[in-house]
Amino acid sequence: MHIKITEKMHQELKNHLHSGDGLEAIAFALCGRHSFEGQEFLLTHKILLIEYERCIREVNTVSWKTIDLEPFLEEAAEKGLGIVKFHSHFIQGSEFSELDDKSDVSVFDTVYSWVNGDNQHASIVMYPNGSMKGRIVTPALTFENVEKISVIGNSVTNYCYTTKSQIEQSFIRNAQAFGEKTVKQLSTMKIGVVGCSGTGSPVIEQLYRLGVGHLVLVDSDHVGVENLNRIISSKKSDAEAKRLKVEVIRDHIQSVDIGTKVTSYTNLLQESRQVVDDLASCDYLFGCMDSVEGRHYLNLISTNYLVPLTDIGVKLMADGNGGINSIVGNIHYVYSGSQTLLERGVYTATQLAEESLKRISPEEHQNRQVYFNNVEVDSPAVISVNTLCSSIAVNDMLGRLHPYRFQDNVKYSTTVINLTDWDFNYYSVSETKEKLHYRNIGVGNLEPNFNIYVNEKNN
């Protein structure tokens, strides 16, 4: 099982569970669910901090009344959500105690009596530094270790039950730069890349050579001669044979053979539930496409499933006389609760409506063309610019796993590169004000609040 918590909720839990008075405290989370290929996810949707005055708090134990948990139990029973119990431990790294065992059996016996079914719930201890250890509580009221707990926000922190004991020889120098912990962490990560051409190709090349354990590649297009100037490993013969981009890149990674597993899809993200579910199970996402719809859906996955997302956009504006007016790259880091790509102006609601209509009903789109102000043109694409922006995006991801920058990661939500001015800027962003995104943080595959439209016609 993999449990995910937003950075904001994690801080609220830490403040409550470790207030400084030396007494244990208790809290609960209501969690959305997701499952994919045998892996289960609990995604923190809401938290409930049991007030100190309503508890009997001691140094080694805490007790409370079940009635305080009933609102969560009712909602979990109605919607099939999960319950996670959090309580304090003051000795770093300490195991669950016998008192914890008795408490968890009692609490989750009640939970299972309210929430029918075999879906599992969990219990977590939080230590003074905010680190955590968790266990699944099964319907039989037995315990199993939680494999991973992730805190998702401006930084991405993973607490794993087990880690690789040694680093492969191929990645020794990566460890010298970013530390053994980061390299071992990358080897256990599953990262999705949507769009495998201009910026996607160099992102993928960096990720597998950094030692990422599993890549999920999504692109429905084939290699054309126009792609040979920027897709790493592509050949003229690939273009002539109209080979799919994901197949060319997958075969290249497998031929290098340094341990990265590759899953590839030739569907559009918005037309395959399988693709959505696989991306929702990832530890990190990269959006490397021009599609407004694709960006919108990735942002929804990021919100609903607590998956951090980096969106990369590059724009080269030709002057019509063989020259360039501007070369601009934008790297946006998005996580559940942050400003959305729509709020940041990466695309507009009108553009989203147009692109969706064009895909779903081309005839209606043609009839309504008068309402849309859109001219379809191919913009210039150059490997040196694409690779620069992709490299900054990957290093930004590394900075969130292993904060190496002088300033806090909150400063780097958006990075803008204007090569024509040789200007590099970065900005922070505020929390989202979109009610849809805010109320759907961590809902997982809960229906009907899951607002990703999936057209299965191409499955």
Protein backbone atom coordinates (compact mmCIF):
# COMPACT_ATOMS: atom_id res chain seq x y z
CA MET A 1 0.00 0.00 0.00
CA HIS A 2 1.04 3.57 -0.76
CA ILE A 3 -0.44 6.39 1.35
CA LYS A 4 -0.22 9.99 0.10
CA ILE A 5 -0.67 13.16 2.14
CA THR A 6 -0.56 16.78 1.05
CA GLU A 7 2.20 18.92 2.54
CA LYS A 8 -0.40 21.27 4.06
CA MET A 9 -2.27 18.44 5.79
CA HIS A 10 1.01 16.91 6.95
CA GLN A 11 1.98 20.20 8.63
CA GLU A 12 -1.43 20.45 10.33
CA LEU A 13 -1.04 16.89 11.59
CA LYS A 14 2.48 17.56 12.85
CA ASN A 15 1.39 20.72 14.69
CA HIS A 16 -1.44 18.80 16.37
CA LEU A 17 0.39 15.56 17.18
CA HIS A 18 3.59 17.25 18.37
CA SER A 19 2.46 20.42 20.10
CA GLY A 20 5.40 20.43 22.51
CA ASP A 21 3.56 19.37 25.67
CA GLY A 22 4.93 15.80 25.58
CA LEU A 23 1.51 14.13 25.53
CA GLU A 24 0.17 11.89 22.79
CA ALA A 25 -2.55 13.19 20.49
CA ILE A 26 -4.83 11.62 17.89
CA ALA A 27 -6.09 12.52 14.42
CA PHE A 28 -7.79 10.81 11.49
CA ALA A 29 -7.80 11.15 7.73
CA LEU A 30 -10.60 10.41 5.30
CA CYS A 31 -9.01 9.04 2.14
CA GLY A 32 -9.87 8.51 -1.49
CA ARG A 33 -8.86 5.23 -3.04
CA HIS A 34 -7.07 4.00 -6.12
CA SER A 35 -5.81 0.61 -7.19
CA PHE A 36 -3.74 -0.42 -10.18
CA GLU A 37 -2.17 -3.76 -11.01
CA GLY A 38 -2.29 -5.00 -7.45
CA GLN A 39 -1.08 -1.81 -5.75
CA GLU A 40 -3.47 -0.03 -3.40
CA PHE A 41 -3.43 3.70 -2.67
CA LEU A 42 -5.00 5.74 0.14
CA LEU A 43 -5.09 9.44 -0.75
CA THR A 44 -5.70 11.93 2.03
CA HIS A 45 -8.85 13.92 1.29
CA LYS A 46 -9.74 15.45 4.68
CA ILE A 47 -8.25 15.38 8.15
CA LEU A 48 -9.93 15.42 11.55
CA LEU A 49 -7.87 16.64 14.52
CA ILE A 50 -9.45 15.32 17.73
CA GLU A 51 -9.45 18.24 20.16
CA TYR A 52 -7.16 17.84 23.16
CA GLU A 53 -10.05 18.63 25.54
CA ARG A 54 -12.00 15.64 24.21
CA CYS A 55 -9.16 13.17 24.86
CA ILE A 56 -7.45 11.58 27.81
CA ARG A 57 -3.83 12.25 26.90
CA GLU A 58 -0.81 10.62 28.51
CA VAL A 59 2.86 10.23 27.63
CA ASN A 60 2.43 6.76 26.11
CA THR A 61 -1.25 6.57 25.20
CA VAL A 62 -4.31 8.59 24.21
CA SER A 63 -8.00 7.73 24.35
CA TRP A 64 -11.06 9.44 22.90
CA LYS A 65 -14.75 8.86 22.17
CA THR A 66 -15.84 7.16 18.96
CA ILE A 67 -18.65 9.69 18.56
CA ASP A 68 -16.03 12.25 17.47
CA LEU A 69 -15.15 10.02 14.51
CA GLU A 70 -18.74 9.34 13.42
CA PRO A 71 -18.91 12.06 10.70
CA PHE A 72 -15.92 10.45 8.96
CA LEU A 73 -17.35 6.95 9.47
CA GLU A 74 -20.65 7.99 7.90
CA GLU A 75 -18.94 9.53 4.86
CA ALA A 76 -16.58 6.57 4.49
CA ALA A 77 -19.52 4.16 4.59
CA GLU A 78 -21.50 6.19 2.06
CA LYS A 79 -18.67 6.70 -0.45
CA GLY A 80 -16.35 3.74 0.12
CA LEU A 81 -13.53 5.92 1.45
CA GLY A 82 -10.65 4.84 3.66
CA ILE A 83 -9.85 5.77 7.26
CA VAL A 84 -6.29 6.38 8.45
CA LYS A 85 -5.54 6.86 12.15
CA PHE A 86 -2.58 9.08 13.15
CA HIS A 87 -1.05 9.33 16.60
CA SER A 88 2.17 10.61 18.19
CA HIS A 89 5.36 8.73 19.00
CA PHE A 90 8.07 10.72 20.74
CA ILE A 91 10.99 8.32 20.24
CA GLN A 92 12.26 8.59 16.68
CA GLY A 93 11.85 5.35 14.73
CA SER A 94 10.03 3.50 17.52
CA GLU A 95 7.74 0.63 16.56
CA PHE A 96 4.03 0.24 17.23
CA SER A 97 3.60 -0.75 20.88
CA GLU A 98 1.34 -3.36 22.47
CA LEU A 99 -0.92 -0.50 23.56
CA ASP A 100 -1.02 0.63 19.93
CA ASP A 101 -2.00 -2.90 18.89
CA LYS A 102 -4.93 -2.97 21.31
CA SER A 103 -6.02 0.51 20.31
CA ASP A 104 -5.88 -0.24 16.57
CA VAL A 105 -7.84 -3.47 16.95
CA SER A 106 -10.53 -1.61 18.88
CA VAL A 107 -10.67 1.38 16.53
CA PHE A 108 -10.69 -0.56 13.29
CA ASP A 109 -13.17 -3.13 14.56
CA THR A 110 -15.49 -0.14 14.79
CA VAL A 111 -14.42 1.17 11.38
CA TYR A 112 -15.11 -2.16 9.67
CA SER A 113 -18.49 -2.41 11.39
CA TRP A 114 -19.43 0.92 9.80
CA VAL A 115 -17.74 0.52 6.42
CA ASN A 116 -18.68 -2.71 4.67
CA GLY A 117 -16.36 -4.50 2.27
CA ASP A 118 -12.79 -5.73 2.13
CA ASN A 119 -11.15 -2.38 1.34
CA GLN A 120 -8.36 -1.85 3.84
CA HIS A 121 -7.65 1.01 6.25
CA ALA A 122 -4.42 2.04 7.96
CA SER A 123 -2.72 3.35 11.10
CA ILE A 124 0.28 5.72 11.13
CA VAL A 125 2.64 6.93 13.84
CA MET A 126 4.26 10.33 13.39
CA TYR A 127 7.61 11.17 14.98
CA PRO A 128 8.76 14.60 16.23
CA ASN A 129 10.53 15.47 12.95
CA GLY A 130 7.40 14.70 10.92
CA SER A 131 8.58 11.34 9.57
CA MET A 132 6.08 8.50 9.65
CA LYS A 133 5.68 4.75 9.79
CA GLY A 134 2.46 2.98 8.88
CA ARG A 135 0.66 -0.32 8.81
CA ILE A 136 -2.42 -1.68 7.12
CA VAL A 137 -5.18 -2.96 9.37
CA THR A 138 -6.89 -5.79 7.51
CA PRO A 139 -10.57 -6.82 7.84
CA ALA A 140 -9.30 -9.71 10.01
CA LEU A 141 -7.73 -7.04 12.28
CA THR A 142 -4.21 -8.18 11.52
CA PHE A 143 -1.35 -5.85 10.60
CA GLU A 144 0.81 -5.49 7.48
CA ASN A 145 3.48 -2.90 6.75
CA VAL A 146 2.65 0.11 4.56
CA GLU A 147 5.26 0.11 1.78
CA LYS A 148 5.42 3.87 1.21
CA ILE A 149 4.07 7.10 2.68
CA SER A 150 4.51 10.24 0.56
CA VAL A 151 4.11 13.90 1.46
CA ILE A 152 3.27 15.92 -1.66
CA GLY A 153 3.74 19.68 -1.84
CA ASN A 154 6.50 22.11 -2.77
CA SER A 155 8.84 19.27 -1.83
CA VAL A 156 8.19 15.55 -2.29
CA THR A 157 9.16 13.39 0.69
CA ASN A 158 8.88 9.60 0.68
CA TYR A 159 9.03 7.34 3.73
CA CYS A 160 9.63 3.76 2.56
CA TYR A 161 9.46 0.56 4.58
CA THR A 162 12.36 -0.92 2.62
CA THR A 163 15.00 0.65 0.36
CA LYS A 164 17.60 -0.74 -2.01
CA SER A 165 20.77 -1.66 -0.15
CA GLN A 166 23.22 -0.62 -2.85
CA ILE A 167 23.51 1.60 -5.91
CA GLU A 168 24.14 0.16 -9.35
CA GLN A 169 27.56 0.94 -10.81
CA SER A 170 25.96 2.94 -13.64
CA PHE A 171 24.61 5.52 -11.16
CA ILE A 172 27.57 6.03 -8.79
CA ARG A 173 28.30 9.50 -10.16
CA ASN A 174 24.65 10.49 -9.85
CA ALA A 175 24.95 9.68 -6.14
CA GLN A 176 28.03 11.90 -5.87
CA ALA A 177 25.91 14.84 -7.06
CA PHE A 178 22.54 14.24 -5.39
CA GLY A 179 23.28 11.75 -2.62
CA GLU A 180 22.72 8.03 -2.22
CA LYS A 181 19.26 8.53 -0.72
CA THR A 182 18.01 10.38 -3.80
CA VAL A 183 19.46 7.84 -6.23
CA LYS A 184 17.94 4.94 -4.28
CA GLN A 185 14.65 6.81 -4.19
CA LEU A 186 14.69 7.32 -7.97
CA SER A 187 15.22 3.59 -8.47
CA THR A 188 11.89 2.90 -6.72
CA MET A 189 9.95 5.65 -8.48
CA LYS A 190 7.40 5.31 -11.25
CA ILE A 191 7.27 8.43 -13.43
CA GLY A 192 4.82 9.17 -16.23
CA VAL A 193 5.74 11.25 -19.28
CA VAL A 194 2.91 12.38 -21.55
CA GLY A 195 4.24 13.57 -24.89
CA CYS A 196 7.43 11.93 -26.17
CA SER A 197 8.66 14.37 -28.80
CA GLY A 198 10.28 17.82 -28.43
CA THR A 199 10.56 18.22 -24.66
CA GLY A 200 9.43 14.70 -23.76
CA SER A 201 12.31 12.94 -25.50
CA PRO A 202 15.10 14.71 -23.54
CA VAL A 203 13.10 14.40 -20.30
CA ILE A 204 12.89 10.64 -20.82
CA GLU A 205 16.58 10.39 -21.73
CA GLN A 206 17.54 12.10 -18.48
CA LEU A 207 15.14 10.13 -16.30
CA TYR A 208 16.30 6.65 -17.25
CA ARG A 209 19.97 7.67 -17.10
CA LEU A 210 19.30 9.03 -13.60
CA GLY A 211 18.11 5.54 -12.68
CA VAL A 212 14.33 5.93 -12.49
CA GLY A 213 12.89 2.47 -11.89
CA HIS A 214 9.78 2.60 -14.08
CA LEU A 215 8.71 4.96 -16.87
CA VAL A 216 5.17 5.22 -18.26
CA LEU A 217 5.28 6.78 -21.73
CA VAL A 218 2.17 8.14 -23.46
CA ASP A 219 2.07 9.39 -27.05
CA SER A 220 -0.31 8.45 -29.87
CA ASP A 221 1.81 9.79 -32.74
CA HIS A 222 4.38 8.17 -35.00
CA VAL A 223 7.84 9.45 -35.89
CA GLY A 224 7.88 11.78 -38.89
CA VAL A 225 10.83 13.27 -40.74
CA GLU A 226 10.01 16.57 -39.02
CA ASN A 227 10.78 14.90 -35.66
CA LEU A 228 14.28 13.71 -36.52
CA ASN A 229 15.82 17.03 -35.44
CA ARG A 230 14.72 16.57 -31.84
CA ILE A 231 13.67 13.02 -30.82
CA ILE A 232 16.73 11.40 -29.29
CA SER A 233 17.48 7.96 -30.77
CA SER A 234 15.08 8.44 -33.72
CA LYS A 235 16.34 7.46 -37.18
CA LYS A 236 15.30 8.16 -40.74
CA SER A 237 14.24 4.54 -41.06
CA ASP A 238 11.83 5.05 -38.12
CA ALA A 239 10.18 7.94 -39.95
CA GLU A 240 9.98 6.01 -43.20
CA ALA A 241 8.37 3.07 -41.40
CA LYS A 242 6.10 5.44 -39.43
CA ARG A 243 7.10 3.78 -36.18
CA LEU A 244 5.32 4.94 -33.06
CA LYS A 245 7.33 7.38 -30.95
CA VAL A 246 6.81 5.40 -27.75
CA GLU A 247 8.04 2.22 -29.43
CA VAL A 248 11.21 3.87 -30.75
CA ILE A 249 12.02 5.34 -27.33
CA ARG A 250 11.09 2.15 -25.46
CA ASP A 251 13.36 0.06 -27.68
CA HIS A 252 16.18 2.58 -27.19
CA ILE A 253 15.90 2.44 -23.38
CA GLN A 254 15.79 -1.34 -23.41
CA SER A 255 18.87 -1.49 -25.65
CA VAL A 256 20.84 0.67 -23.18
CA ASP A 257 19.77 -1.86 -20.52
CA ILE A 258 20.49 -0.12 -17.22
CA GLY A 259 17.42 -1.33 -15.36
CA THR A 260 14.49 0.95 -16.20
CA LYS A 261 11.16 -0.77 -16.83
CA VAL A 262 9.10 0.88 -19.59
CA THR A 263 5.33 0.82 -20.09
CA SER A 264 4.12 2.52 -23.26
CA TYR A 265 0.70 3.65 -24.48
CA THR A 266 -0.37 4.84 -27.91
CA ASN A 267 -3.70 6.23 -26.71
CA LEU A 268 -4.61 9.81 -26.06
CA LEU A 269 -4.68 10.37 -22.31
CA GLN A 270 -8.27 11.61 -22.52
CA GLU A 271 -9.43 8.51 -24.41
CA SER A 272 -8.25 5.66 -22.22
CA ARG A 273 -9.21 4.76 -18.68
CA GLN A 274 -6.21 2.41 -18.56
CA VAL A 275 -3.84 5.32 -19.27
CA VAL A 276 -5.55 7.51 -16.66
CA ASP A 277 -5.34 4.75 -14.04
CA ASP A 278 -1.68 4.01 -14.79
CA LEU A 279 -0.68 7.69 -14.63
CA ALA A 280 -2.67 8.07 -11.41
CA SER A 281 -0.48 5.34 -9.87
CA CYS A 282 2.75 7.22 -10.69
CA ASP A 283 4.98 9.00 -8.19
CA TYR A 284 5.56 11.96 -10.52
CA LEU A 285 4.27 13.23 -13.88
CA PHE A 286 5.75 15.28 -16.70
CA GLY A 287 3.48 16.98 -19.23
CA CYS A 288 5.45 17.52 -22.45
CA MET A 289 2.75 18.34 -24.98
CA ASP A 290 1.02 21.21 -26.71
CA SER A 291 -2.46 19.78 -26.11
CA VAL A 292 -4.68 21.94 -23.90
CA GLU A 293 -6.91 18.95 -23.14
CA GLY A 294 -3.92 16.85 -22.13
CA ARG A 295 -2.67 19.56 -19.78
CA HIS A 296 -6.12 19.95 -18.23
CA TYR A 297 -6.53 16.23 -17.62
CA LEU A 298 -3.04 15.87 -16.14
CA ASN A 299 -3.85 18.69 -13.73
CA LEU A 300 -7.04 16.86 -12.70
CA ILE A 301 -5.08 13.63 -12.14
CA SER A 302 -2.54 15.59 -10.07
CA THR A 303 -5.32 17.00 -7.88
CA ASN A 304 -7.48 13.91 -7.49
CA TYR A 305 -4.65 11.42 -6.98
CA LEU A 306 -2.00 13.57 -5.25
CA VAL A 307 0.58 13.16 -8.00
CA PRO A 308 3.11 16.03 -8.41
CA LEU A 309 3.24 17.35 -11.97
CA THR A 310 5.73 19.36 -14.03
CA ASP A 311 4.37 20.97 -17.20
CA ILE A 312 6.87 22.08 -19.84
CA GLY A 313 6.04 24.53 -22.60
CA VAL A 314 8.33 25.98 -25.27
CA LYS A 315 7.38 28.69 -27.74
CA LEU A 316 9.56 29.86 -30.62
CA MET A 317 7.98 32.70 -32.60
CA ALA A 318 9.31 33.14 -36.13
CA ASP A 319 9.42 36.65 -37.61
CA GLY A 320 8.43 35.49 -41.08
CA ASN A 321 11.77 36.48 -42.56
CA GLY A 322 13.84 33.49 -41.55
CA GLY A 323 14.54 34.83 -38.07
CA ILE A 324 13.16 34.55 -34.54
CA ASN A 325 11.11 37.09 -32.61
CA SER A 326 11.16 35.26 -29.28
CA ILE A 327 12.27 32.02 -27.65
CA VAL A 328 10.44 31.37 -24.37
CA GLY A 329 10.20 28.31 -22.15
CA ASN A 330 7.87 27.85 -19.18
CA ILE A 331 8.20 25.18 -16.50
CA HIS A 332 5.24 24.92 -14.11
CA TYR A 333 5.28 22.74 -11.01
CA VAL A 334 1.79 21.72 -9.89
CA TYR A 335 0.59 19.78 -6.86
CA SER A 336 -2.77 19.21 -5.17
CA GLY A 337 -3.94 22.55 -3.80
CA SER A 338 -1.61 24.79 -5.79
CA GLN A 339 -2.77 27.15 -8.53
CA THR A 340 -3.88 25.17 -11.55
CA LEU A 341 -2.45 25.54 -15.04
CA LEU A 342 -5.71 27.24 -16.02
CA GLU A 343 -5.34 29.76 -13.20
CA ARG A 344 -1.75 30.43 -14.25
CA GLY A 345 -2.88 31.31 -17.78
CA VAL A 346 -1.18 28.35 -19.48
CA TYR A 347 -4.42 27.91 -21.41
CA THR A 348 -7.91 29.40 -21.40
CA ALA A 349 -11.34 27.88 -20.90
CA THR A 350 -12.16 28.78 -24.50
CA GLN A 351 -9.12 26.92 -25.80
CA LEU A 352 -10.08 23.89 -23.70
CA ALA A 353 -13.65 23.95 -25.01
CA GLU A 354 -12.47 24.24 -28.60
CA GLU A 355 -9.96 21.41 -28.41
CA SER A 356 -12.40 19.11 -26.62
CA LEU A 357 -15.13 19.81 -29.16
CA LYS A 358 -12.75 19.25 -32.06
CA ARG A 359 -11.82 15.80 -30.73
CA ILE A 360 -15.27 14.66 -29.68
CA SER A 361 -17.32 16.21 -32.52
CA PRO A 362 -15.22 17.47 -35.46
CA GLU A 363 -18.34 18.36 -37.46
CA GLU A 364 -19.77 20.51 -34.67
CA HIS A 365 -16.35 22.11 -34.19
CA GLN A 366 -16.29 23.08 -37.86
CA ASN A 367 -19.78 24.56 -37.59
CA ARG A 368 -18.78 26.64 -34.57
CA GLN A 369 -15.38 27.72 -35.86
CA VAL A 370 -16.60 31.31 -36.00
CA TYR A 371 -16.69 31.34 -32.19
CA PHE A 372 -13.05 30.34 -31.84
CA ASN A 373 -10.06 32.52 -32.54
CA ASN A 374 -7.49 29.90 -33.40
CA VAL A 375 -5.06 29.57 -36.27
CA GLU A 376 -3.31 26.20 -36.50
CA VAL A 377 0.33 26.68 -37.36
CA ASP A 378 3.46 24.63 -36.75
CA SER A 379 5.88 26.58 -34.57
CA PRO A 380 9.65 26.13 -34.90
CA ALA A 381 11.15 23.36 -32.76
CA VAL A 382 14.86 23.13 -31.94
CA ILE A 383 16.57 20.43 -29.86
CA SER A 384 18.88 22.88 -28.07
CA VAL A 385 15.95 24.91 -26.70
CA ASN A 386 13.81 21.87 -25.91
CA THR A 387 16.68 20.15 -24.11
CA LEU A 388 17.48 23.24 -22.06
CA CYS A 389 13.91 23.52 -20.79
CA SER A 390 13.65 19.77 -20.22
CA SER A 391 16.90 19.75 -18.23
CA ILE A 392 15.69 22.57 -15.98
CA ALA A 393 12.42 20.69 -15.45
CA VAL A 394 14.20 17.47 -14.44
CA ASN A 395 16.57 19.35 -12.14
CA ASP A 396 13.56 21.06 -10.58
CA MET A 397 12.10 17.61 -9.84
CA LEU A 398 15.42 16.55 -8.28
CA GLY A 399 15.34 19.71 -6.18
CA ARG A 400 11.97 18.70 -4.78
CA LEU A 401 13.19 15.21 -3.89
CA HIS A 402 16.53 16.49 -2.57
CA PRO A 403 16.29 20.24 -1.80
CA TYR A 404 19.66 21.53 -3.02
CA ARG A 405 18.71 25.11 -3.89
CA PHE A 406 19.55 28.01 -1.59
CA GLN A 407 15.93 29.12 -1.31
CA ASP A 408 12.84 27.17 -0.30
CA ASN A 409 11.12 25.19 -3.06
CA VAL A 410 8.01 27.36 -2.70
CA LYS A 411 9.93 30.04 -4.64
CA TYR A 412 10.18 27.91 -7.78
CA SER A 413 6.59 27.10 -8.76
CA THR A 414 7.04 28.69 -12.19
CA THR A 415 10.28 29.14 -14.10
CA VAL A 416 10.34 31.35 -17.20
CA ILE A 417 13.26 31.25 -19.63
CA ASN A 418 13.45 34.00 -22.25
CA LEU A 419 16.44 33.19 -24.41
CA THR A 420 16.04 36.23 -26.64
CA ASP A 421 16.66 38.37 -23.55
CA TRP A 422 18.91 35.71 -21.95
CA ASP A 423 16.65 36.07 -18.93
CA PHE A 424 15.79 33.38 -16.34
CA ASN A 425 13.08 34.14 -13.77
CA TYR A 426 11.18 32.12 -11.19
CA TYR A 427 7.99 32.77 -9.24
CA SER A 428 5.94 31.36 -6.41
CA VAL A 429 2.19 30.82 -6.77
CA SER A 430 -0.70 30.90 -4.32
CA GLU A 431 -3.18 28.17 -3.45
CA THR A 432 -5.88 27.31 -5.95
CA LYS A 433 -9.12 29.26 -5.83
CA GLU A 434 -10.89 26.81 -8.15
CA LYS A 435 -13.57 25.15 -6.03
CA LEU A 436 -13.59 22.07 -8.28
CA HIS A 437 -9.91 21.36 -7.61
CA TYR A 438 -10.00 22.31 -3.95
CA ARG A 439 -12.88 20.01 -3.04
CA ASN A 440 -11.46 17.13 -5.10
CA ILE A 441 -8.03 16.98 -3.46
CA GLY A 442 -7.31 13.30 -2.85
CA VAL A 443 -10.74 11.98 -3.89
CA GLY A 444 -9.11 9.29 -6.04
CA ASN A 445 -11.52 7.31 -8.18
CA LEU A 446 -14.55 8.40 -6.20
CA GLU A 447 -17.61 8.86 -8.44
CA PRO A 448 -19.34 11.10 -9.42
CA ASN A 449 -16.87 13.75 -8.20
CA PHE A 450 -14.17 12.38 -10.50
CA ASN A 451 -14.36 14.92 -13.31
CA ILE A 452 -12.07 13.43 -15.94
CA TYR A 453 -14.08 12.60 -19.04
CA VAL A 454 -12.74 9.47 -20.70
CA ASN A 455 -13.89 8.56 -24.19
CA GLU A 456 -13.21 4.85 -24.67
CA LYS A 457 -13.71 4.87 -28.46
CA ASN A 458 -10.00 4.31 -29.16
CA ASN A 459 -9.41 1.65 -26.49
